[in-house]
């Protein structure tokens, strides 16, 4: 079993889709969430898109350090695919900006909690002792072919013989269409990000209060931001 780890809204669904498509095996959602089903059970515009997927699960989705610890205690984990998105973008995409000034204290507390979750997850993966590979959200959604294929190469090498070479060839040739079909899947908690999305969407639209808060909280984590 592999872990597919990320802060929420950072491309976990897309990576799980790729893993299921490439290997023909299911990935599990977060433990305890009955609505977070294997990706092949979603409804796609092409009904047979993941018809080849079945058998023993190959992956497990995790969003927090606690979920990592629970997975490590319950299963033999071969490795972790950690998806990194710029932390400010990841947190703001999940913790939405309030409409009223009076809601700002609670909003900033939730942003702070999100930042802690983001970096605690990274630390938990580092300390787990299992092999891991970092893939970049911004490259996964990029229209740049070289950028996407760089991340695909990382995933394929990490999964090794579990990958079907014919499926890998299809992804390389037709990744834009497959990525779009993944974004159009129904039965998901949210719609996901389509290719071409501006990776600085939230940072560019943040109000001055939020921008100052994030600069102050993330100012001592520049290496982590650069890595993301």
C-alpha atoms as a PDB file:
ATOM      1  CA  UNK A   1       0.000   0.000   0.000  1.00  0.00           C
ATOM      2  CA  UNK A   2       1.161   3.499  -0.877  1.00  0.00           C
ATOM      3  CA  UNK A   3      -0.002   6.725   0.739  1.00  0.00           C
ATOM      4  CA  UNK A   4      -1.133   9.608  -1.454  1.00  0.00           C
ATOM      5  CA  UNK A   5      -0.602  12.581   0.853  1.00  0.00           C
ATOM      6  CA  UNK A   6      -1.495  16.244   0.470  1.00  0.00           C
ATOM      7  CA  UNK A   7      -3.095  19.209   2.150  1.00  0.00           C
ATOM      8  CA  UNK A   8      -6.742  19.416   0.934  1.00  0.00           C
ATOM      9  CA  UNK A   9      -7.300  20.952  -2.520  1.00  0.00           C
ATOM     10  CA  UNK A  10      -3.793  20.118  -3.703  1.00  0.00           C
ATOM     11  CA  UNK A  11      -4.407  17.576  -6.461  1.00  0.00           C
ATOM     12  CA  UNK A  12      -4.955  14.388  -4.464  1.00  0.00           C
ATOM     13  CA  UNK A  13      -7.908  13.314  -6.629  1.00  0.00           C
ATOM     14  CA  UNK A  14      -5.886  13.802  -9.824  1.00  0.00           C
ATOM     15  CA  UNK A  15      -2.917  11.813  -8.522  1.00  0.00           C
ATOM     16  CA  UNK A  16      -5.187   9.018  -7.315  1.00  0.00           C
ATOM     17  CA  UNK A  17      -6.840   9.023 -10.750  1.00  0.00           C
ATOM     18  CA  UNK A  18      -3.428   8.654 -12.399  1.00  0.00           C
ATOM     19  CA  UNK A  19      -2.407   5.876 -10.004  1.00  0.00           C
ATOM     20  CA  UNK A  20      -5.617   3.934 -10.654  1.00  0.00           C
ATOM     21  CA  UNK A  21      -5.398   4.453 -14.412  1.00  0.00           C
ATOM     22  CA  UNK A  22      -1.723   3.431 -14.554  1.00  0.00           C
ATOM     23  CA  UNK A  23      -1.900   0.398 -12.269  1.00  0.00           C
ATOM     24  CA  UNK A  24      -5.481  -0.858 -12.676  1.00  0.00           C
ATOM     25  CA  UNK A  25      -5.856  -1.000  -8.886  1.00  0.00           C
ATOM     26  CA  UNK A  26      -8.104   1.116  -6.614  1.00  0.00           C
ATOM     27  CA  UNK A  27      -7.029   3.825  -4.190  1.00  0.00           C
ATOM     28  CA  UNK A  28      -8.894   4.355  -0.934  1.00  0.00           C
ATOM     29  CA  UNK A  29     -10.169   7.678   0.382  1.00  0.00           C
ATOM     30  CA  UNK A  30      -9.552   9.063   3.855  1.00  0.00           C
ATOM     31  CA  UNK A  31     -10.380   6.571   6.610  1.00  0.00           C
ATOM     32  CA  UNK A  32     -13.782   7.087   8.160  1.00  0.00           C
ATOM     33  CA  UNK A  33     -15.193   9.075   5.224  1.00  0.00           C
ATOM     34  CA  UNK A  34     -17.703   6.793   3.523  1.00  0.00           C
ATOM     35  CA  UNK A  35     -18.227   9.318   0.721  1.00  0.00           C
ATOM     36  CA  UNK A  36     -14.521   9.350  -0.189  1.00  0.00           C
ATOM     37  CA  UNK A  37     -14.672   6.336  -2.490  1.00  0.00           C
ATOM     38  CA  UNK A  38     -12.079   4.867  -4.863  1.00  0.00           C
ATOM     39  CA  UNK A  39     -11.748   7.058  -7.932  1.00  0.00           C
ATOM     40  CA  UNK A  40     -12.991   4.396 -10.369  1.00  0.00           C
ATOM     41  CA  UNK A  41     -16.358   4.443  -8.581  1.00  0.00           C
ATOM     42  CA  UNK A  42     -16.949   8.065  -9.616  1.00  0.00           C
ATOM     43  CA  UNK A  43     -19.041   8.702 -12.723  1.00  0.00           C
ATOM     44  CA  UNK A  44     -17.041   9.924 -15.727  1.00  0.00           C
ATOM     45  CA  UNK A  45     -18.211  11.287 -19.101  1.00  0.00           C
ATOM     46  CA  UNK A  46     -16.637   8.143 -20.561  1.00  0.00           C
ATOM     47  CA  UNK A  47     -18.179   5.296 -18.506  1.00  0.00           C
ATOM     48  CA  UNK A  48     -15.431   2.794 -19.360  1.00  0.00           C
ATOM     49  CA  UNK A  49     -12.550   5.123 -18.516  1.00  0.00           C
ATOM     50  CA  UNK A  50     -11.572   3.180 -15.379  1.00  0.00           C
ATOM     51  CA  UNK A  51     -13.406  -0.063 -16.119  1.00  0.00           C
ATOM     52  CA  UNK A  52     -10.091  -1.923 -15.898  1.00  0.00           C
ATOM     53  CA  UNK A  53      -9.585  -0.965 -12.237  1.00  0.00           C
ATOM     54  CA  UNK A  54     -10.178  -3.612  -9.570  1.00  0.00           C
ATOM     55  CA  UNK A  55      -8.566  -5.971  -7.097  1.00  0.00           C
ATOM     56  CA  UNK A  56      -6.583  -5.084  -3.987  1.00  0.00           C
ATOM     57  CA  UNK A  57      -6.171  -1.361  -3.273  1.00  0.00           C
ATOM     58  CA  UNK A  58      -2.757   0.098  -4.046  1.00  0.00           C
ATOM     59  CA  UNK A  59      -3.109   3.463  -2.319  1.00  0.00           C
ATOM     60  CA  UNK A  60      -4.639   5.353   0.596  1.00  0.00           C
ATOM     61  CA  UNK A  61      -5.408   9.071   0.688  1.00  0.00           C
ATOM     62  CA  UNK A  62      -4.189  11.057   3.711  1.00  0.00           C
ATOM     63  CA  UNK A  63      -4.505  14.775   4.516  1.00  0.00           C
ATOM     64  CA  UNK A  64      -2.950  15.069   7.982  1.00  0.00           C
ATOM     65  CA  UNK A  65      -0.187  13.829  10.247  1.00  0.00           C
ATOM     66  CA  UNK A  66      -2.743  11.912  12.343  1.00  0.00           C
ATOM     67  CA  UNK A  67      -3.975  10.067   9.241  1.00  0.00           C
ATOM     68  CA  UNK A  68      -0.371   9.189   8.350  1.00  0.00           C
ATOM     69  CA  UNK A  69       0.181   7.736  11.826  1.00  0.00           C
ATOM     70  CA  UNK A  70      -3.062   5.746  11.628  1.00  0.00           C
ATOM     71  CA  UNK A  71      -2.140   4.334   8.219  1.00  0.00           C
ATOM     72  CA  UNK A  72       1.353   3.360   9.372  1.00  0.00           C
ATOM     73  CA  UNK A  73      -0.102   1.589  12.405  1.00  0.00           C
ATOM     74  CA  UNK A  74      -2.611  -0.400  10.379  1.00  0.00           C
ATOM     75  CA  UNK A  75      -0.937  -1.321   7.090  1.00  0.00           C
ATOM     76  CA  UNK A  76       2.424  -2.138   5.577  1.00  0.00           C
ATOM     77  CA  UNK A  77       3.209   1.110   3.746  1.00  0.00           C
ATOM     78  CA  UNK A  78       5.616   0.818   0.812  1.00  0.00           C
ATOM     79  CA  UNK A  79       5.982   4.535   0.265  1.00  0.00           C
ATOM     80  CA  UNK A  80       4.315   7.928   0.048  1.00  0.00           C
ATOM     81  CA  UNK A  81       3.514  10.187  -2.888  1.00  0.00           C
ATOM     82  CA  UNK A  82       3.477  13.660  -1.310  1.00  0.00           C
ATOM     83  CA  UNK A  83       1.770  16.345  -3.402  1.00  0.00           C
ATOM     84  CA  UNK A  84       3.038  19.859  -2.710  1.00  0.00           C
ATOM     85  CA  UNK A  85       1.182  23.054  -3.515  1.00  0.00           C
ATOM     86  CA  UNK A  86       2.364  26.526  -2.517  1.00  0.00           C
ATOM     87  CA  UNK A  87       1.233  26.589   1.138  1.00  0.00           C
ATOM     88  CA  UNK A  88      -0.470  29.993   0.970  1.00  0.00           C
ATOM     89  CA  UNK A  89      -2.460  28.917  -2.095  1.00  0.00           C
ATOM     90  CA  UNK A  90      -3.332  25.537  -0.610  1.00  0.00           C
ATOM     91  CA  UNK A  91      -4.593  26.959   2.668  1.00  0.00           C
ATOM     92  CA  UNK A  92      -6.535  29.846   1.095  1.00  0.00           C
ATOM     93  CA  UNK A  93      -8.202  27.512  -1.393  1.00  0.00           C
ATOM     94  CA  UNK A  94      -9.544  25.416   1.495  1.00  0.00           C
ATOM     95  CA  UNK A  95     -10.223  28.101   4.103  1.00  0.00           C
ATOM     96  CA  UNK A  96     -12.375  30.588   2.247  1.00  0.00           C
ATOM     97  CA  UNK A  97     -12.184  34.321   2.915  1.00  0.00           C
ATOM     98  CA  UNK A  98     -15.085  35.709   4.989  1.00  0.00           C
ATOM     99  CA  UNK A  99     -17.607  38.231   3.744  1.00  0.00           C
ATOM    100  CA  UNK A 100     -17.712  40.271   6.960  1.00  0.00           C
ATOM    101  CA  UNK A 101     -14.891  42.012   8.830  1.00  0.00           C
ATOM    102  CA  UNK A 102     -16.205  40.595  12.098  1.00  0.00           C
ATOM    103  CA  UNK A 103     -15.405  37.074  10.889  1.00  0.00           C
ATOM    104  CA  UNK A 104     -11.700  37.822  10.367  1.00  0.00           C
ATOM    105  CA  UNK A 105     -10.366  36.637  13.756  1.00  0.00           C
ATOM    106  CA  UNK A 106     -11.907  33.192  13.225  1.00  0.00           C
ATOM    107  CA  UNK A 107     -10.731  33.184   9.588  1.00  0.00           C
ATOM    108  CA  UNK A 108      -7.127  33.947  10.587  1.00  0.00           C
ATOM    109  CA  UNK A 109      -7.225  31.228  13.255  1.00  0.00           C
ATOM    110  CA  UNK A 110      -8.386  28.733  10.632  1.00  0.00           C
ATOM    111  CA  UNK A 111      -5.616  29.853   8.275  1.00  0.00           C
ATOM    112  CA  UNK A 112      -3.123  29.331  11.083  1.00  0.00           C
ATOM    113  CA  UNK A 113      -4.488  25.843  11.743  1.00  0.00           C
ATOM    114  CA  UNK A 114      -4.229  25.071   8.024  1.00  0.00           C
ATOM    115  CA  UNK A 115      -0.601  26.170   7.899  1.00  0.00           C
ATOM    116  CA  UNK A 116       0.200  23.936  10.870  1.00  0.00           C
ATOM    117  CA  UNK A 117      -1.587  21.000   9.206  1.00  0.00           C
ATOM    118  CA  UNK A 118       0.347  21.578   5.958  1.00  0.00           C
ATOM    119  CA  UNK A 119       3.774  21.488   7.588  1.00  0.00           C
ATOM    120  CA  UNK A 120       2.923  18.807  10.159  1.00  0.00           C
ATOM    121  CA  UNK A 121       1.921  16.534   7.285  1.00  0.00           C
ATOM    122  CA  UNK A 122       5.270  17.105   5.561  1.00  0.00           C
ATOM    123  CA  UNK A 123       7.106  16.447   8.823  1.00  0.00           C
ATOM    124  CA  UNK A 124       5.128  13.238   9.440  1.00  0.00           C
ATOM    125  CA  UNK A 125       6.094  11.911   5.996  1.00  0.00           C
ATOM    126  CA  UNK A 126       9.736  12.811   6.600  1.00  0.00           C
ATOM    127  CA  UNK A 127       9.777  11.064   9.974  1.00  0.00           C
ATOM    128  CA  UNK A 128       7.836   7.998   8.828  1.00  0.00           C
ATOM    129  CA  UNK A 129      10.969   6.295   7.519  1.00  0.00           C
ATOM    130  CA  UNK A 130       9.203   4.990   4.404  1.00  0.00           C
ATOM    131  CA  UNK A 131      10.365   5.981   0.889  1.00  0.00           C
ATOM    132  CA  UNK A 132       8.667   9.070  -0.483  1.00  0.00           C
ATOM    133  CA  UNK A 133       8.534  11.180  -3.614  1.00  0.00           C
ATOM    134  CA  UNK A 134       7.419  14.801  -3.912  1.00  0.00           C
ATOM    135  CA  UNK A 135       5.247  15.829  -6.846  1.00  0.00           C
ATOM    136  CA  UNK A 136       4.259  19.418  -7.562  1.00  0.00           C
ATOM    137  CA  UNK A 137       0.650  20.498  -7.900  1.00  0.00           C
ATOM    138  CA  UNK A 138       1.500  23.464 -10.112  1.00  0.00           C
ATOM    139  CA  UNK A 139       3.165  21.165 -12.649  1.00  0.00           C
ATOM    140  CA  UNK A 140       0.339  18.634 -12.535  1.00  0.00           C
ATOM    141  CA  UNK A 141      -2.186  21.223 -13.725  1.00  0.00           C
ATOM    142  CA  UNK A 142       0.166  23.074 -16.073  1.00  0.00           C
ATOM    143  CA  UNK A 143      -0.482  23.362 -19.796  1.00  0.00           C
ATOM    144  CA  UNK A 144       3.268  22.886 -20.225  1.00  0.00           C
ATOM    145  CA  UNK A 145       3.758  19.314 -21.466  1.00  0.00           C
ATOM    146  CA  UNK A 146       7.287  19.095 -20.067  1.00  0.00           C
ATOM    147  CA  UNK A 147       6.060  20.193 -16.620  1.00  0.00           C
ATOM    148  CA  UNK A 148       3.303  17.579 -16.442  1.00  0.00           C
ATOM    149  CA  UNK A 149       5.479  14.764 -17.794  1.00  0.00           C
ATOM    150  CA  UNK A 150       8.148  15.558 -15.201  1.00  0.00           C
ATOM    151  CA  UNK A 151       5.636  14.769 -12.440  1.00  0.00           C
ATOM    152  CA  UNK A 152       4.310  11.726 -14.309  1.00  0.00           C
ATOM    153  CA  UNK A 153       7.855  10.363 -14.542  1.00  0.00           C
ATOM    154  CA  UNK A 154       8.255  10.697 -10.772  1.00  0.00           C
ATOM    155  CA  UNK A 155       5.025   8.804 -10.123  1.00  0.00           C
ATOM    156  CA  UNK A 156       5.786   6.068 -12.668  1.00  0.00           C
ATOM    157  CA  UNK A 157       9.305   5.463 -11.349  1.00  0.00           C
ATOM    158  CA  UNK A 158       8.060   5.402  -7.780  1.00  0.00           C
ATOM    159  CA  UNK A 159       5.334   2.827  -8.474  1.00  0.00           C
ATOM    160  CA  UNK A 160       7.728   0.746 -10.560  1.00  0.00           C
ATOM    161  CA  UNK A 161       6.449  -2.606 -11.868  1.00  0.00           C
ATOM    162  CA  UNK A 162       2.913  -1.868 -10.671  1.00  0.00           C
ATOM    163  CA  UNK A 163       2.528   0.440 -13.697  1.00  0.00           C
ATOM    164  CA  UNK A 164       1.093  -0.991 -16.925  1.00  0.00           C
ATOM    165  CA  UNK A 165       3.393   0.203 -19.767  1.00  0.00           C
ATOM    166  CA  UNK A 166       0.499   0.461 -22.226  1.00  0.00           C
ATOM    167  CA  UNK A 167      -1.473   2.658 -19.842  1.00  0.00           C
ATOM    168  CA  UNK A 168       1.597   4.810 -19.248  1.00  0.00           C
ATOM    169  CA  UNK A 169       1.974   5.347 -22.995  1.00  0.00           C
ATOM    170  CA  UNK A 170      -1.679   6.429 -23.247  1.00  0.00           C
ATOM    171  CA  UNK A 171      -1.262   8.962 -20.436  1.00  0.00           C
ATOM    172  CA  UNK A 172       1.823  10.440 -22.074  1.00  0.00           C
ATOM    173  CA  UNK A 173       0.045  10.903 -25.387  1.00  0.00           C
ATOM    174  CA  UNK A 174      -3.386  11.933 -24.122  1.00  0.00           C
ATOM    175  CA  UNK A 175      -2.836  13.453 -20.677  1.00  0.00           C
ATOM    176  CA  UNK A 176      -4.753  16.682 -21.361  1.00  0.00           C
ATOM    177  CA  UNK A 177      -7.949  14.812 -22.228  1.00  0.00           C
ATOM    178  CA  UNK A 178      -7.563  12.404 -19.313  1.00  0.00           C
ATOM    179  CA  UNK A 179      -6.909  15.246 -16.907  1.00  0.00           C
ATOM    180  CA  UNK A 180     -10.038  17.035 -18.136  1.00  0.00           C
ATOM    181  CA  UNK A 181     -12.134  13.871 -17.762  1.00  0.00           C
ATOM    182  CA  UNK A 182     -10.912  13.520 -14.186  1.00  0.00           C
ATOM    183  CA  UNK A 183     -12.017  17.087 -13.437  1.00  0.00           C
ATOM    184  CA  UNK A 184     -15.470  16.347 -14.865  1.00  0.00           C
ATOM    185  CA  UNK A 185     -16.085  13.308 -12.653  1.00  0.00           C
ATOM    186  CA  UNK A 186     -19.271  13.428 -10.599  1.00  0.00           C
ATOM    187  CA  UNK A 187     -19.755  11.963  -7.160  1.00  0.00           C
ATOM    188  CA  UNK A 188     -16.938  14.054  -5.674  1.00  0.00           C
ATOM    189  CA  UNK A 189     -16.960  16.330  -2.644  1.00  0.00           C
ATOM    190  CA  UNK A 190     -15.881  19.225  -4.854  1.00  0.00           C
ATOM    191  CA  UNK A 191     -15.264  19.830  -8.538  1.00  0.00           C
ATOM    192  CA  UNK A 192     -11.500  19.975  -8.557  1.00  0.00           C
ATOM    193  CA  UNK A 193      -9.181  22.169 -10.598  1.00  0.00           C
ATOM    194  CA  UNK A 194      -9.076  22.039 -14.349  1.00  0.00           C
ATOM    195  CA  UNK A 195      -5.864  22.490 -16.303  1.00  0.00           C
ATOM    196  CA  UNK A 196      -4.820  26.060 -16.974  1.00  0.00           C
ATOM    197  CA  UNK A 197      -5.856  27.279 -13.515  1.00  0.00           C
ATOM    198  CA  UNK A 198      -3.716  30.207 -12.327  1.00  0.00           C
ATOM    199  CA  UNK A 199      -1.517  28.749  -9.548  1.00  0.00           C
ATOM    200  CA  UNK A 200      -1.380  32.162  -7.804  1.00  0.00           C
ATOM    201  CA  UNK A 201      -5.136  32.720  -8.005  1.00  0.00           C
ATOM    202  CA  UNK A 202      -5.724  33.155  -4.273  1.00  0.00           C
ATOM    203  CA  UNK A 203      -2.515  35.039  -3.466  1.00  0.00           C
ATOM    204  CA  UNK A 204      -3.254  37.627  -6.127  1.00  0.00           C
ATOM    205  CA  UNK A 205      -6.767  38.194  -4.790  1.00  0.00           C
ATOM    206  CA  UNK A 206      -6.001  38.160  -1.076  1.00  0.00           C
ATOM    207  CA  UNK A 207      -6.893  41.282   0.876  1.00  0.00           C
ATOM    208  CA  UNK A 208      -4.090  43.187   2.699  1.00  0.00           C
ATOM    209  CA  UNK A 209      -4.975  41.687   6.114  1.00  0.00           C
ATOM    210  CA  UNK A 210      -4.669  38.134   4.823  1.00  0.00           C
ATOM    211  CA  UNK A 211      -1.514  38.863   2.794  1.00  0.00           C
ATOM    212  CA  UNK A 212       0.283  40.372   5.804  1.00  0.00           C
ATOM    213  CA  UNK A 213      -0.796  37.480   8.031  1.00  0.00           C
ATOM    214  CA  UNK A 214       0.468  34.841   5.586  1.00  0.00           C
ATOM    215  CA  UNK A 215       3.767  36.654   4.994  1.00  0.00           C
ATOM    216  CA  UNK A 216       4.316  36.783   8.747  1.00  0.00           C
ATOM    217  CA  UNK A 217       3.378  33.126   9.329  1.00  0.00           C
ATOM    218  CA  UNK A 218       5.271  31.742   6.337  1.00  0.00           C
ATOM    219  CA  UNK A 219       8.263  34.048   6.486  1.00  0.00           C
ATOM    220  CA  UNK A 220      10.375  31.521   8.395  1.00  0.00           C
ATOM    221  CA  UNK A 221       9.471  28.698   6.033  1.00  0.00           C
ATOM    222  CA  UNK A 222      10.960  29.922   2.778  1.00  0.00           C
ATOM    223  CA  UNK A 223      12.748  26.610   2.029  1.00  0.00           C
ATOM    224  CA  UNK A 224       9.419  24.794   2.285  1.00  0.00           C
ATOM    225  CA  UNK A 225       7.725  27.337   0.027  1.00  0.00           C
ATOM    226  CA  UNK A 226      10.500  27.010  -2.550  1.00  0.00           C
ATOM    227  CA  UNK A 227      10.168  23.230  -2.426  1.00  0.00           C
ATOM    228  CA  UNK A 228       6.432  23.519  -3.042  1.00  0.00           C
END
